[in-house]
């Protein structure tokens, strides 16, 4: 079946429904237990979905290590902390304590539930990082695809740029802000799929997927309620600013050249540049969406080296 032809939405749903648990079984097998200790299923909240895995480098200094919150992608609906175990372990190999989370998934739990879980996990990590030998003052956010949208929204929320809608089960923002954010191949807007109109890189199957993501994550969106959805569209929230608040984290925006939603990363990087964070986009040739989730690939290795160098430079 050609991706340049329309693919019915149920077929795409079936593909991800099958791929998600398979990835959850395979990815943990790629974690090198001799180098990384994995502590599984730690509760950061009362809901059964509010669980995280902790990845600790076995070779570590006596002092506290920087920490990272890692948020998986999957269009806000698919995949899990297990499916991204290899990526979380790769990040831990750089000398960081990594907290890789599960969160409530759409469509059963649409916006803002999953993002509220991410905010709760962040607050938990800030409080508990020291128990695992981590330094919460050197915390970074790392996410891919919809997870990149989450880490961007989280940075926007923590900086007080936008709020959760009334009634959301989200904690008060901790006073500790992240030092750096890695937003890989992100969905930085959700409510308006027309932003891709005229972009031929978004082939028909991917366009169907974008519409699925919108309808799953923000099914009740109405333009007159757009203020309630500011954290679903973090790019728009940042684009409304004339300057970034002092202490706002540094961003790195890696993306594959063949990613059909590369337009979101390009637009987001342009906005960052206007706000003073220039040259934050890096495009990797010959690879598509979420390529870094398989850390052994040639371009993935380069990307991971760039991510680690960026975080080291930001002292995160």
Protein backbone atom coordinates (compact mmCIF):
# COMPACT_ATOMS: atom_id res chain seq x y z
CA UNK A 1 0.00 0.00 0.00
CA UNK A 2 1.45 3.36 -1.04
CA UNK A 3 1.61 6.17 1.50
CA UNK A 4 0.94 8.57 -1.39
CA UNK A 5 -2.58 7.17 -1.63
CA UNK A 6 -5.32 7.81 0.93
CA UNK A 7 -5.38 5.14 3.64
CA UNK A 8 -8.62 4.74 5.58
CA UNK A 9 -8.48 5.89 9.18
CA UNK A 10 -9.41 2.42 10.59
CA UNK A 11 -6.39 0.90 8.82
CA UNK A 12 -4.04 3.44 10.40
CA UNK A 13 -5.66 2.85 13.80
CA UNK A 14 -5.20 -0.91 13.42
CA UNK A 15 -1.52 -0.44 12.55
CA UNK A 16 -0.76 1.61 15.66
CA UNK A 17 -2.89 -0.63 17.85
CA UNK A 18 -0.68 -3.56 16.83
CA UNK A 19 2.64 -1.68 16.75
CA UNK A 20 2.33 -0.15 20.20
CA UNK A 21 2.41 -3.34 22.32
CA UNK A 22 5.03 -4.91 20.06
CA UNK A 23 7.32 -1.94 20.62
CA UNK A 24 6.60 -2.24 24.33
CA UNK A 25 7.90 -5.79 24.29
CA UNK A 26 10.94 -5.27 22.04
CA UNK A 27 12.37 -1.97 23.27
CA UNK A 28 13.14 -3.10 26.85
CA UNK A 29 15.16 -5.98 25.42
CA UNK A 30 17.58 -3.41 23.99
CA UNK A 31 18.45 -1.95 27.39
CA UNK A 32 21.97 -2.96 28.46
CA UNK A 33 21.46 -4.09 32.05
CA UNK A 34 25.20 -4.10 32.67
CA UNK A 35 25.33 -0.36 32.09
CA UNK A 36 21.86 0.79 33.14
CA UNK A 37 19.72 -0.08 36.16
CA UNK A 38 15.99 0.15 35.48
CA UNK A 39 13.55 0.57 38.36
CA UNK A 40 10.09 -0.15 37.00
CA UNK A 41 6.58 1.05 37.74
CA UNK A 42 7.15 3.69 40.38
CA UNK A 43 3.91 5.54 41.21
CA UNK A 44 3.94 9.32 40.82
CA UNK A 45 0.15 9.57 41.30
CA UNK A 46 -2.88 7.56 42.32
CA UNK A 47 -4.16 6.67 38.86
CA UNK A 48 -2.88 3.33 37.50
CA UNK A 49 -1.54 5.14 34.42
CA UNK A 50 0.58 7.45 36.55
CA UNK A 51 3.67 5.28 36.66
CA UNK A 52 7.27 5.86 35.67
CA UNK A 53 10.50 3.91 35.21
CA UNK A 54 13.78 5.21 36.55
CA UNK A 55 16.98 4.65 34.54
CA UNK A 56 20.22 4.95 36.50
CA UNK A 57 23.71 4.67 35.03
CA UNK A 58 25.54 1.95 36.97
CA UNK A 59 28.85 3.79 36.59
CA UNK A 60 28.26 7.10 38.30
CA UNK A 61 30.09 9.61 40.44
CA UNK A 62 29.38 10.01 44.12
CA UNK A 63 27.81 13.44 43.60
CA UNK A 64 24.21 14.02 42.45
CA UNK A 65 23.58 13.58 38.73
CA UNK A 66 21.49 15.72 36.39
CA UNK A 67 18.01 14.36 35.79
CA UNK A 68 15.69 14.21 32.80
CA UNK A 69 11.96 13.73 32.38
CA UNK A 70 11.41 11.68 29.23
CA UNK A 71 7.95 11.68 27.60
CA UNK A 72 7.11 9.22 24.85
CA UNK A 73 5.15 10.07 21.72
CA UNK A 74 2.37 8.26 19.92
CA UNK A 75 -0.15 10.88 18.91
CA UNK A 76 -1.35 11.22 22.54
CA UNK A 77 -2.99 7.79 22.12
CA UNK A 78 -0.39 5.05 21.58
CA UNK A 79 2.89 3.67 22.93
CA UNK A 80 4.19 3.70 26.48
CA UNK A 81 7.21 4.04 28.71
CA UNK A 82 8.07 0.46 27.73
CA UNK A 83 8.04 1.19 24.00
CA UNK A 84 10.65 3.91 24.55
CA UNK A 85 12.86 2.03 26.99
CA UNK A 86 15.81 1.94 24.60
CA UNK A 87 15.69 5.70 24.08
CA UNK A 88 15.40 6.39 27.81
CA UNK A 89 18.35 4.08 28.47
CA UNK A 90 20.43 5.84 25.80
CA UNK A 91 19.81 9.13 27.55
CA UNK A 92 20.81 7.58 30.90
CA UNK A 93 24.06 6.38 29.35
CA UNK A 94 25.05 10.03 29.08
CA UNK A 95 25.33 10.21 32.88
CA UNK A 96 21.78 11.28 33.69
CA UNK A 97 19.04 9.83 35.83
CA UNK A 98 16.07 9.47 33.52
CA UNK A 99 12.43 9.28 34.57
CA UNK A 100 10.37 7.84 31.71
CA UNK A 101 6.64 8.17 32.29
CA UNK A 102 3.34 6.66 31.34
CA UNK A 103 0.35 8.99 31.28
CA UNK A 104 -3.36 8.82 30.57
CA UNK A 105 -3.99 8.41 26.86
CA UNK A 106 -6.57 9.81 24.45
CA UNK A 107 -9.27 9.34 23.30
CA UNK A 108 -10.48 8.01 26.64
CA UNK A 109 -8.52 10.77 28.35
CA UNK A 110 -8.31 13.75 25.97
CA UNK A 111 -6.64 17.09 26.64
CA UNK A 112 -5.65 18.14 29.26
CA UNK A 113 -5.42 14.82 31.17
CA UNK A 114 -2.15 13.46 29.77
CA UNK A 115 -0.45 16.83 30.07
CA UNK A 116 -1.69 17.19 33.65
CA UNK A 117 -0.06 13.82 34.35
CA UNK A 118 3.21 15.12 32.89
CA UNK A 119 2.99 18.18 35.16
CA UNK A 120 2.34 15.90 38.14
CA UNK A 121 5.31 13.73 37.20
CA UNK A 122 7.54 16.79 36.90
CA UNK A 123 6.54 17.98 40.38
CA UNK A 124 7.15 14.48 41.74
CA UNK A 125 10.61 14.33 40.16
CA UNK A 126 11.58 17.72 41.55
CA UNK A 127 10.65 16.46 45.02
CA UNK A 128 12.01 12.91 44.75
CA UNK A 129 15.05 13.16 42.46
CA UNK A 130 17.43 13.33 45.42
CA UNK A 131 16.22 9.93 46.60
CA UNK A 132 17.74 8.43 43.44
CA UNK A 133 20.95 10.43 43.53
CA UNK A 134 19.71 13.17 41.23
CA UNK A 135 20.00 16.95 41.27
CA UNK A 136 16.62 18.55 40.55
CA UNK A 137 18.32 21.89 39.94
CA UNK A 138 19.75 20.33 36.75
CA UNK A 139 16.58 18.96 35.22
CA UNK A 140 15.82 18.70 31.51
CA UNK A 141 12.74 17.75 29.52
CA UNK A 142 13.04 15.36 26.57
CA UNK A 143 10.16 14.29 24.35
CA UNK A 144 9.39 13.09 20.85
CA UNK A 145 6.37 13.68 18.57
CA UNK A 146 3.37 14.28 20.85
CA UNK A 147 5.82 13.94 23.74
CA UNK A 148 7.71 16.90 22.29
CA UNK A 149 4.46 18.82 22.39
CA UNK A 150 4.06 17.82 26.03
CA UNK A 151 7.55 18.96 27.09
CA UNK A 152 7.04 22.26 25.27
CA UNK A 153 3.64 22.76 26.90
CA UNK A 154 5.17 21.89 30.24
CA UNK A 155 7.86 24.54 29.80
CA UNK A 156 5.19 27.07 28.84
CA UNK A 157 3.13 26.15 31.90
CA UNK A 158 6.02 26.22 34.33
CA UNK A 159 7.01 29.68 33.08
CA UNK A 160 3.50 31.00 33.70
CA UNK A 161 2.90 31.77 30.02
CA UNK A 162 -0.31 29.73 29.86
CA UNK A 163 -2.52 27.89 32.34
CA UNK A 164 -4.46 24.67 32.43
CA UNK A 165 -8.21 25.02 31.92
CA UNK A 166 -10.34 25.25 35.06
CA UNK A 167 -10.90 21.90 36.71
CA UNK A 168 -7.77 20.23 35.35
CA UNK A 169 -6.05 17.87 37.77
CA UNK A 170 -2.70 19.63 37.59
CA UNK A 171 -0.42 20.66 40.45
CA UNK A 172 0.82 24.15 41.15
CA UNK A 173 4.04 24.73 39.20
CA UNK A 174 7.18 24.01 41.23
CA UNK A 175 9.63 26.86 41.57
CA UNK A 176 12.31 24.77 39.84
CA UNK A 177 12.32 25.36 36.08
CA UNK A 178 13.98 23.00 33.60
CA UNK A 179 17.39 24.02 32.32
CA UNK A 180 16.84 22.68 28.79
CA UNK A 181 14.23 21.08 26.54
CA UNK A 182 14.76 18.63 23.68
CA UNK A 183 11.66 18.61 21.46
CA UNK A 184 12.21 15.99 18.76
CA UNK A 185 9.94 15.94 15.67
CA UNK A 186 7.20 17.62 17.66
CA UNK A 187 3.52 18.35 17.32
CA UNK A 188 3.63 21.92 18.57
CA UNK A 189 0.02 22.66 17.61
CA UNK A 190 -2.99 20.36 17.58
CA UNK A 191 -6.24 22.26 17.23
CA UNK A 192 -5.77 23.48 13.64
CA UNK A 193 -4.84 20.87 11.05
CA UNK A 194 -5.04 23.45 8.28
CA UNK A 195 -1.53 24.66 9.22
CA UNK A 196 -0.25 21.95 6.86
CA UNK A 197 -2.34 23.10 3.90
CA UNK A 198 -0.11 23.34 0.83
CA UNK A 199 2.73 21.36 2.44
CA UNK A 200 3.34 18.51 0.00
CA UNK A 201 5.62 16.75 2.44
CA UNK A 202 2.51 15.74 4.40
CA UNK A 203 1.47 12.78 2.25
CA UNK A 204 -2.17 11.59 2.40
CA UNK A 205 -1.70 8.89 5.04
CA UNK A 206 0.11 11.36 7.30
CA UNK A 207 -2.64 13.93 6.77
CA UNK A 208 -5.17 11.35 7.93
CA UNK A 209 -2.98 10.72 10.97
CA UNK A 210 -2.84 14.44 11.79
CA UNK A 211 -6.62 14.60 11.72
CA UNK A 212 -6.83 11.52 13.94
CA UNK A 213 -4.54 13.17 16.47
CA UNK A 214 -6.65 16.31 16.51
CA UNK A 215 -9.95 14.47 16.90
CA UNK A 216 -8.57 12.14 19.60
CA UNK A 217 -6.81 14.79 21.69
CA UNK A 218 -9.07 17.84 21.39
CA UNK A 219 -12.45 16.40 20.32
CA UNK A 220 -14.47 19.23 21.89
CA UNK A 221 -12.34 22.14 20.69
CA UNK A 222 -14.24 25.25 19.72
CA UNK A 223 -12.63 28.49 18.57
CA UNK A 224 -14.55 30.49 21.15
CA UNK A 225 -12.89 28.38 23.87
CA UNK A 226 -9.38 28.70 22.47
CA UNK A 227 -8.02 30.17 25.73
CA UNK A 228 -8.73 26.85 27.43
CA UNK A 229 -6.59 25.10 24.81
CA UNK A 230 -3.47 27.27 25.06
CA UNK A 231 -1.43 24.33 26.36
CA UNK A 232 -2.57 22.13 23.48
CA UNK A 233 -0.94 24.65 21.11
CA UNK A 234 2.31 25.68 22.85
CA UNK A 235 3.73 27.13 19.65
CA UNK A 236 0.87 29.62 19.48
CA UNK A 237 1.30 30.47 23.17
CA UNK A 238 4.97 31.29 22.60
CA UNK A 239 4.23 33.06 19.33
CA UNK A 240 2.04 35.56 21.16
CA UNK A 241 5.02 36.75 23.22
CA UNK A 242 7.33 39.64 22.42
CA UNK A 243 10.08 38.21 24.64
CA UNK A 244 10.74 35.06 26.62
CA UNK A 245 10.61 35.32 30.42
CA UNK A 246 13.94 35.32 32.21
CA UNK A 247 15.04 31.79 32.99
CA UNK A 248 13.03 30.17 30.20
CA UNK A 249 14.82 26.95 29.19
CA UNK A 250 16.99 26.57 26.12
CA UNK A 251 15.48 24.45 23.33
CA UNK A 252 16.91 21.98 20.82
CA UNK A 253 14.62 20.93 17.95
CA UNK A 254 15.94 17.91 16.01
CA UNK A 255 13.88 16.46 13.14
CA UNK A 256 14.29 14.10 10.21
CA UNK A 257 14.38 15.54 6.69
CA UNK A 258 11.76 13.02 5.57
CA UNK A 259 9.43 13.63 8.48
CA UNK A 260 6.02 14.49 7.00
CA UNK A 261 5.27 16.89 9.88
CA UNK A 262 8.63 18.67 9.69
CA UNK A 263 6.70 21.87 9.06
CA UNK A 264 5.76 22.05 12.74
CA UNK A 265 9.42 21.94 13.78
CA UNK A 266 10.36 24.55 11.19
CA UNK A 267 7.63 26.95 12.30
CA UNK A 268 8.43 26.41 15.95
CA UNK A 269 12.14 27.07 15.41
CA UNK A 270 11.30 30.28 13.55
CA UNK A 271 9.29 31.46 16.54
CA UNK A 272 12.12 30.60 18.90
CA UNK A 273 14.49 32.59 16.70
CA UNK A 274 12.24 35.65 16.85
CA UNK A 275 12.30 35.33 20.65
CA UNK A 276 16.10 35.17 20.77
CA UNK A 277 16.81 31.43 20.64
CA UNK A 278 18.42 31.14 17.21
CA UNK A 279 19.69 28.10 15.32
CA UNK A 280 17.70 25.62 17.42
CA UNK A 281 16.54 23.45 14.50
CA UNK A 282 18.71 20.63 13.17
CA UNK A 283 17.51 18.53 10.23
CA UNK A 284 18.94 15.03 9.81
CA UNK A 285 19.14 13.75 6.22
CA UNK A 286 17.42 10.64 4.94
CA UNK A 287 15.33 9.84 8.03
CA UNK A 288 11.70 10.24 8.96
CA UNK A 289 9.53 10.73 12.00
CA UNK A 290 10.83 9.70 15.45
CA UNK A 291 14.00 8.16 13.98
CA UNK A 292 15.96 8.63 17.20
CA UNK A 293 13.71 6.18 19.08
CA UNK A 294 15.89 3.43 17.59
CA UNK A 295 19.25 4.64 18.96
CA UNK A 296 21.40 2.24 16.89
CA UNK A 297 20.64 3.88 13.53
CA UNK A 298 23.40 5.94 11.88
CA UNK A 299 21.55 9.27 11.99
CA UNK A 300 20.07 8.38 15.38
CA UNK A 301 23.58 8.01 16.80
CA UNK A 302 24.51 11.45 15.48
CA UNK A 303 21.29 12.90 16.86
CA UNK A 304 21.83 11.40 20.30
CA UNK A 305 25.37 12.77 20.38
CA UNK A 306 23.94 16.20 19.52
CA UNK A 307 21.29 15.88 22.24
CA UNK A 308 23.87 15.01 24.88
CA UNK A 309 26.17 17.84 23.76
CA UNK A 310 23.25 20.28 23.93
CA UNK A 311 22.24 19.17 27.43
CA UNK A 312 25.84 19.26 28.63
CA UNK A 313 26.22 22.77 27.23
CA UNK A 314 23.06 23.88 29.02
CA UNK A 315 24.37 22.29 32.25
CA UNK A 316 21.21 20.16 32.34
